[in-house]
C-alpha atoms as a PDB file:
ATOM      1  CA  MET A   1       3.526  -2.216   6.280  1.00  0.00           C
ATOM      2  CA  THR A   2       2.389   1.084   7.744  1.00  0.00           C
ATOM      3  CA  ARG A   3       1.000   2.821   4.678  1.00  0.00           C
ATOM      4  CA  TYR A   4      -0.780   2.096   1.429  1.00  0.00           C
ATOM      5  CA  SER A   5       1.212   1.807  -1.800  1.00  0.00           C
ATOM      6  CA  THR A   6       1.900   4.906  -3.871  1.00  0.00           C
ATOM      7  CA  VAL A   7      -0.519   3.612  -6.526  1.00  0.00           C
ATOM      8  CA  ALA A   8      -3.300   3.124  -3.946  1.00  0.00           C
ATOM      9  CA  ILE A   9      -2.677   6.560  -2.422  1.00  0.00           C
ATOM     10  CA  THR A  10      -2.656   8.252  -5.838  1.00  0.00           C
ATOM     11  CA  LEU A  11      -5.885   6.511  -6.856  1.00  0.00           C
ATOM     12  CA  HIS A  12      -7.508   7.422  -3.541  1.00  0.00           C
ATOM     13  CA  TRP A  13      -6.829  11.151  -3.820  1.00  0.00           C
ATOM     14  CA  LEU A  14      -7.417  11.400  -7.578  1.00  0.00           C
ATOM     15  CA  MET A  15     -10.743   9.619  -7.263  1.00  0.00           C
ATOM     16  CA  ALA A  16     -11.690  11.599  -4.152  1.00  0.00           C
ATOM     17  CA  LEU A  17     -11.326  14.814  -6.165  1.00  0.00           C
ATOM     18  CA  MET A  18     -13.240  13.368  -9.113  1.00  0.00           C
ATOM     19  CA  ILE A  19     -16.055  12.030  -6.926  1.00  0.00           C
ATOM     20  CA  ILE A  20     -16.463  15.255  -4.975  1.00  0.00           C
ATOM     21  CA  GLY A  21     -16.397  17.244  -8.224  1.00  0.00           C
ATOM     22  CA  ASN A  22     -18.923  14.930  -9.839  1.00  0.00           C
ATOM     23  CA  LEU A  23     -21.219  15.063  -6.821  1.00  0.00           C
ATOM     24  CA  ALA A  24     -21.068  18.866  -6.966  1.00  0.00           C
ATOM     25  CA  GLY A  25     -21.745  18.842 -10.708  1.00  0.00           C
ATOM     26  CA  GLY A  26     -24.653  16.443 -10.297  1.00  0.00           C
ATOM     27  CA  PHE A  27     -26.279  18.275  -7.408  1.00  0.00           C
ATOM     28  CA  LEU A  28     -25.692  21.789  -8.732  1.00  0.00           C
ATOM     29  CA  HIS A  29     -26.245  21.402 -12.484  1.00  0.00           C
ATOM     30  CA  ASP A  30     -29.799  22.748 -12.231  1.00  0.00           C
ATOM     31  CA  PHE A  31     -28.328  26.066 -11.088  1.00  0.00           C
ATOM     32  CA  VAL A  32     -26.129  26.378 -14.179  1.00  0.00           C
ATOM     33  CA  PRO A  33     -27.753  28.502 -16.900  1.00  0.00           C
ATOM     34  CA  ARG A  34     -29.051  26.629 -19.940  1.00  0.00           C
ATOM     35  CA  GLU A  35     -28.198  29.548 -22.215  1.00  0.00           C
ATOM     36  CA  GLY A  36     -24.972  29.231 -24.132  1.00  0.00           C
ATOM     37  CA  GLY A  37     -24.727  25.490 -23.552  1.00  0.00           C
ATOM     38  CA  GLN A  38     -23.187  25.884 -20.101  1.00  0.00           C
ATOM     39  CA  ARG A  39     -25.414  23.265 -18.470  1.00  0.00           C
ATOM     40  CA  ALA A  40     -24.795  20.822 -21.321  1.00  0.00           C
ATOM     41  CA  LEU A  41     -21.047  21.344 -20.872  1.00  0.00           C
ATOM     42  CA  VAL A  42     -21.298  20.684 -17.120  1.00  0.00           C
ATOM     43  CA  MET A  43     -23.261  17.494 -17.803  1.00  0.00           C
ATOM     44  CA  ASP A  44     -20.828  16.381 -20.516  1.00  0.00           C
ATOM     45  CA  PHE A  45     -17.994  16.636 -17.984  1.00  0.00           C
ATOM     46  CA  HIS A  46     -20.158  14.973 -15.312  1.00  0.00           C
ATOM     47  CA  LYS A  47     -20.801  11.994 -17.606  1.00  0.00           C
ATOM     48  CA  SER A  48     -17.183  11.789 -18.791  1.00  0.00           C
ATOM     49  CA  PHE A  49     -15.830  11.805 -15.254  1.00  0.00           C
ATOM     50  CA  GLY A  50     -18.473   9.271 -14.218  1.00  0.00           C
ATOM     51  CA  LEU A  51     -17.316   6.897 -16.952  1.00  0.00           C
ATOM     52  CA  THR A  52     -13.708   7.513 -15.897  1.00  0.00           C
ATOM     53  CA  ILE A  53     -14.609   6.682 -12.295  1.00  0.00           C
ATOM     54  CA  ILE A  54     -15.958   3.298 -13.428  1.00  0.00           C
ATOM     55  CA  ALA A  55     -12.668   2.449 -15.159  1.00  0.00           C
ATOM     56  CA  LEU A  56     -10.526   3.721 -12.280  1.00  0.00           C
ATOM     57  CA  THR A  57     -12.666   1.839  -9.743  1.00  0.00           C
ATOM     58  CA  LEU A  58     -12.204  -1.432 -11.619  1.00  0.00           C
ATOM     59  CA  PHE A  59      -8.444  -0.813 -11.770  1.00  0.00           C
ATOM     60  CA  ARG A  60      -8.399   0.206  -8.109  1.00  0.00           C
ATOM     61  CA  LEU A  61     -10.401  -2.833  -7.057  1.00  0.00           C
ATOM     62  CA  GLY A  62      -8.024  -5.104  -8.964  1.00  0.00           C
ATOM     63  CA  TRP A  63      -5.073  -3.362  -7.322  1.00  0.00           C
ATOM     64  CA  ARG A  64      -6.662  -3.659  -3.879  1.00  0.00           C
ATOM     65  CA  LEU A  65      -7.343  -7.381  -4.291  1.00  0.00           C
ATOM     66  CA  ASN A  66      -3.778  -8.088  -5.460  1.00  0.00           C
ATOM     67  CA  HIS A  67      -1.728  -5.900  -3.117  1.00  0.00           C
ATOM     68  CA  ALA A  68      -1.394  -5.995   0.637  1.00  0.00           C
ATOM     69  CA  VAL A  69      -2.862  -3.153   2.663  1.00  0.00           C
ATOM     70  CA  PRO A  70      -1.721  -1.943   6.060  1.00  0.00           C
ATOM     71  CA  ALA A  71      -3.378  -3.733   8.931  1.00  0.00           C
ATOM     72  CA  LEU A  72      -5.792  -1.776  11.067  1.00  0.00           C
ATOM     73  CA  PRO A  73      -4.236  -0.718  14.377  1.00  0.00           C
ATOM     74  CA  ASN A  74      -4.476  -3.250  17.220  1.00  0.00           C
ATOM     75  CA  TYR A  75      -6.341  -0.781  19.423  1.00  0.00           C
ATOM     76  CA  PHE A  76      -9.334  -0.658  17.058  1.00  0.00           C
ATOM     77  CA  THR A  77     -12.404  -2.209  18.623  1.00  0.00           C
ATOM     78  CA  ALA A  78     -14.357  -4.901  16.787  1.00  0.00           C
ATOM     79  CA  GLY A  79     -16.998  -2.265  15.981  1.00  0.00           C
ATOM     80  CA  GLU A  80     -14.402   0.118  14.543  1.00  0.00           C
ATOM     81  CA  ARG A  81     -12.937  -2.674  12.414  1.00  0.00           C
ATOM     82  CA  LEU A  82     -16.367  -3.588  11.096  1.00  0.00           C
ATOM     83  CA  LEU A  83     -17.242   0.042  10.355  1.00  0.00           C
ATOM     84  CA  ALA A  84     -13.900   0.657   8.600  1.00  0.00           C
ATOM     85  CA  LYS A  85     -14.300  -2.413   6.378  1.00  0.00           C
ATOM     86  CA  ALA A  86     -17.957  -1.666   5.651  1.00  0.00           C
ATOM     87  CA  ALA A  87     -17.110   1.921   4.688  1.00  0.00           C
ATOM     88  CA  HIS A  88     -14.272   0.853   2.402  1.00  0.00           C
ATOM     89  CA  TRP A  89     -16.305  -1.804   0.597  1.00  0.00           C
ATOM     90  CA  GLY A  90     -19.312   0.530   0.570  1.00  0.00           C
ATOM     91  CA  PHE A  91     -17.192   3.070  -1.305  1.00  0.00           C
ATOM     92  CA  TYR A  92     -16.230   0.455  -3.894  1.00  0.00           C
ATOM     93  CA  ALA A  93     -19.877  -0.486  -4.369  1.00  0.00           C
ATOM     94  CA  MET A  94     -20.921   3.160  -4.671  1.00  0.00           C
ATOM     95  CA  MET A  95     -18.031   4.009  -7.019  1.00  0.00           C
ATOM     96  CA  LEU A  96     -19.455   1.407  -9.398  1.00  0.00           C
ATOM     97  CA  ALA A  97     -23.214   1.624  -8.797  1.00  0.00           C
ATOM     98  CA  LEU A  98     -23.477   5.423  -8.945  1.00  0.00           C
ATOM     99  CA  PRO A  99     -21.822   5.974 -12.335  1.00  0.00           C
ATOM    100  CA  LEU A 100     -23.266   2.749 -13.799  1.00  0.00           C
ATOM    101  CA  SER A 101     -26.770   3.916 -12.906  1.00  0.00           C
ATOM    102  CA  GLY A 102     -25.976   7.224 -14.611  1.00  0.00           C
ATOM    103  CA  TRP A 103     -24.788   5.372 -17.697  1.00  0.00           C
ATOM    104  CA  VAL A 104     -28.043   3.384 -17.846  1.00  0.00           C
ATOM    105  CA  ALA A 105     -29.965   6.629 -17.214  1.00  0.00           C
ATOM    106  CA  ALA A 106     -28.524   8.014 -20.464  1.00  0.00           C
ATOM    107  CA  ASP A 107     -31.119   5.834 -22.254  1.00  0.00           C
ATOM    108  CA  ARG A 108     -33.924   8.102 -21.044  1.00  0.00           C
ATOM    109  CA  ASN A 109     -33.216  10.636 -23.777  1.00  0.00           C
ATOM    110  CA  ASP A 110     -32.050  10.730 -27.376  1.00  0.00           C
ATOM    111  CA  ARG A 111     -28.882  12.744 -26.732  1.00  0.00           C
ATOM    112  CA  PRO A 112     -25.675  10.883 -27.563  1.00  0.00           C
ATOM    113  CA  LEU A 113     -23.365   9.771 -24.776  1.00  0.00           C
ATOM    114  CA  ALA A 114     -19.666  10.595 -24.994  1.00  0.00           C
ATOM    115  CA  TRP A 115     -16.484  10.286 -22.984  1.00  0.00           C
ATOM    116  CA  PHE A 116     -14.623  13.567 -23.423  1.00  0.00           C
ATOM    117  CA  GLY A 117     -16.024  13.838 -26.957  1.00  0.00           C
ATOM    118  CA  LEU A 118     -15.579  10.190 -27.950  1.00  0.00           C
ATOM    119  CA  PRO A 119     -18.866   8.336 -28.578  1.00  0.00           C
ATOM    120  CA  VAL A 120     -19.915   5.757 -25.992  1.00  0.00           C
ATOM    121  CA  SER A 121     -22.590   3.146 -26.524  1.00  0.00           C
ATOM    122  CA  LYS A 122     -25.683   3.244 -24.400  1.00  0.00           C
ATOM    123  CA  PHE A 123     -27.187   0.135 -22.841  1.00  0.00           C
ATOM    124  CA  GLY A 124     -30.304   0.226 -25.032  1.00  0.00           C
ATOM    125  CA  VAL A 125     -32.684  -0.524 -22.173  1.00  0.00           C
ATOM    126  CA  GLY A 126     -35.290   2.032 -23.239  1.00  0.00           C
ATOM    127  CA  LYS A 127     -36.629   5.285 -21.859  1.00  0.00           C
ATOM    128  CA  ALA A 128     -38.658   3.797 -18.975  1.00  0.00           C
ATOM    129  CA  THR A 129     -35.725   1.839 -17.587  1.00  0.00           C
ATOM    130  CA  GLY A 130     -33.457   4.822 -18.225  1.00  0.00           C
ATOM    131  CA  SER A 131     -35.819   7.038 -16.222  1.00  0.00           C
ATOM    132  CA  ALA A 132     -35.888   4.524 -13.360  1.00  0.00           C
ATOM    133  CA  ALA A 133     -32.089   4.377 -13.459  1.00  0.00           C
ATOM    134  CA  ASN A 134     -32.004   8.179 -13.274  1.00  0.00           C
ATOM    135  CA  GLU A 135     -34.095   8.088 -10.092  1.00  0.00           C
ATOM    136  CA  LEU A 136     -31.743   5.467  -8.659  1.00  0.00           C
ATOM    137  CA  HIS A 137     -28.760   7.591  -9.729  1.00  0.00           C
ATOM    138  CA  GLU A 138     -30.099  10.545  -7.741  1.00  0.00           C
ATOM    139  CA  ILE A 139     -30.724   8.380  -4.651  1.00  0.00           C
ATOM    140  CA  LEU A 140     -27.244   6.872  -4.923  1.00  0.00           C
ATOM    141  CA  GLY A 141     -25.808  10.391  -5.207  1.00  0.00           C
ATOM    142  CA  TRP A 142     -27.301  11.243  -1.821  1.00  0.00           C
ATOM    143  CA  ALA A 143     -26.112   7.914  -0.402  1.00  0.00           C
ATOM    144  CA  MET A 144     -22.578   8.607  -1.660  1.00  0.00           C
ATOM    145  CA  LEU A 145     -22.710  12.045  -0.076  1.00  0.00           C
ATOM    146  CA  ALA A 146     -23.755  10.447   3.238  1.00  0.00           C
ATOM    147  CA  LEU A 147     -20.948   7.873   3.005  1.00  0.00           C
ATOM    148  CA  LEU A 148     -18.461  10.617   2.228  1.00  0.00           C
ATOM    149  CA  ALA A 149     -19.698  12.615   5.247  1.00  0.00           C
ATOM    150  CA  LEU A 150     -19.305   9.513   7.448  1.00  0.00           C
ATOM    151  CA  HIS A 151     -15.763   9.074   6.120  1.00  0.00           C
ATOM    152  CA  ILE A 152     -14.904  12.699   6.931  1.00  0.00           C
ATOM    153  CA  VAL A 153     -16.398  12.358  10.425  1.00  0.00           C
ATOM    154  CA  GLY A 154     -14.189   9.289  10.925  1.00  0.00           C
ATOM    155  CA  ILE A 155     -11.118  11.248   9.825  1.00  0.00           C
ATOM    156  CA  ILE A 156     -11.964  14.067  12.237  1.00  0.00           C
ATOM    157  CA  LYS A 157     -12.528  11.541  15.057  1.00  0.00           C
ATOM    158  CA  HIS A 158      -9.079  10.051  14.501  1.00  0.00           C
ATOM    159  CA  LEU A 159      -7.369  13.433  14.220  1.00  0.00           C
ATOM    160  CA  VAL A 160      -9.111  15.282  17.053  1.00  0.00           C
ATOM    161  CA  MET A 161     -10.488  12.747  19.515  1.00  0.00           C
ATOM    162  CA  ASP A 162      -8.161   9.762  19.189  1.00  0.00           C
ATOM    163  CA  ARG A 163      -5.103  11.772  18.124  1.00  0.00           C
ATOM    164  CA  ASP A 164      -3.769   8.657  16.479  1.00  0.00           C
ATOM    165  CA  ASN A 165      -1.447   8.526  13.534  1.00  0.00           C
ATOM    166  CA  LEU A 166      -3.651   7.099  10.776  1.00  0.00           C
ATOM    167  CA  MET A 167      -3.355   9.901   8.180  1.00  0.00           C
ATOM    168  CA  PRO A 168       0.166   8.936   6.994  1.00  0.00           C
ATOM    169  CA  ARG A 169      -1.316   5.588   5.896  1.00  0.00           C
ATOM    170  CA  MET A 170      -2.980   7.539   3.072  1.00  0.00           C
ATOM    171  CA  GLY A 171      -0.002   9.783   2.346  1.00  0.00           C
ATOM    172  CA  VAL A 172      -0.927  12.748   4.573  1.00  0.00           C
ATOM    173  CA  GLY A 173       1.581  13.902   7.174  1.00  0.00           C
ATOM    174  CA  ARG A 174       4.601  12.106   8.501  1.00  0.00           C
ATOM    175  CA  PRO A 175       4.476   8.942  10.541  1.00  0.00           C
ATOM    176  CA  ASP A 176       5.610   9.150  14.148  1.00  0.00           C
ATOM    177  CA  ALA A 177       9.203   8.216  14.664  1.00  0.00           C
END
């Protein structure tokens, strides 16, 4: 097997777009005007996509555990193998921890929580725990951004320095003949 399944590739790119969009929405929402409900709309989408990311991550994790993945190339060093596996499992952890902490953080205020307009239950942990979860959510947002940057640096390394043919594994480009 030289590439991931179509389902894995689709989930990867769909979630990549959602995560990048949600990071942007989370980091930049303070710059959106409060007037006219624009900031509330941004945050409603941020929360809805966060809840969606939880569901997609659980599906993706189940898919990953039940379907074979392409082996890492033989020329990878032990350090590269370790870093690749740590990054992949780190993404799974972050794709759960980041939105879950945001969900718990919803308890810090009295506003209802919804998924694209449909009501969602809160955890009921109280305002103090919700506030602590919000702090954690912000820290995890920065950690996810750092992990994403590391991932992009790895992609650039493989494209520019190593000039290997790893991108087709994730559905980008054509494999060498």
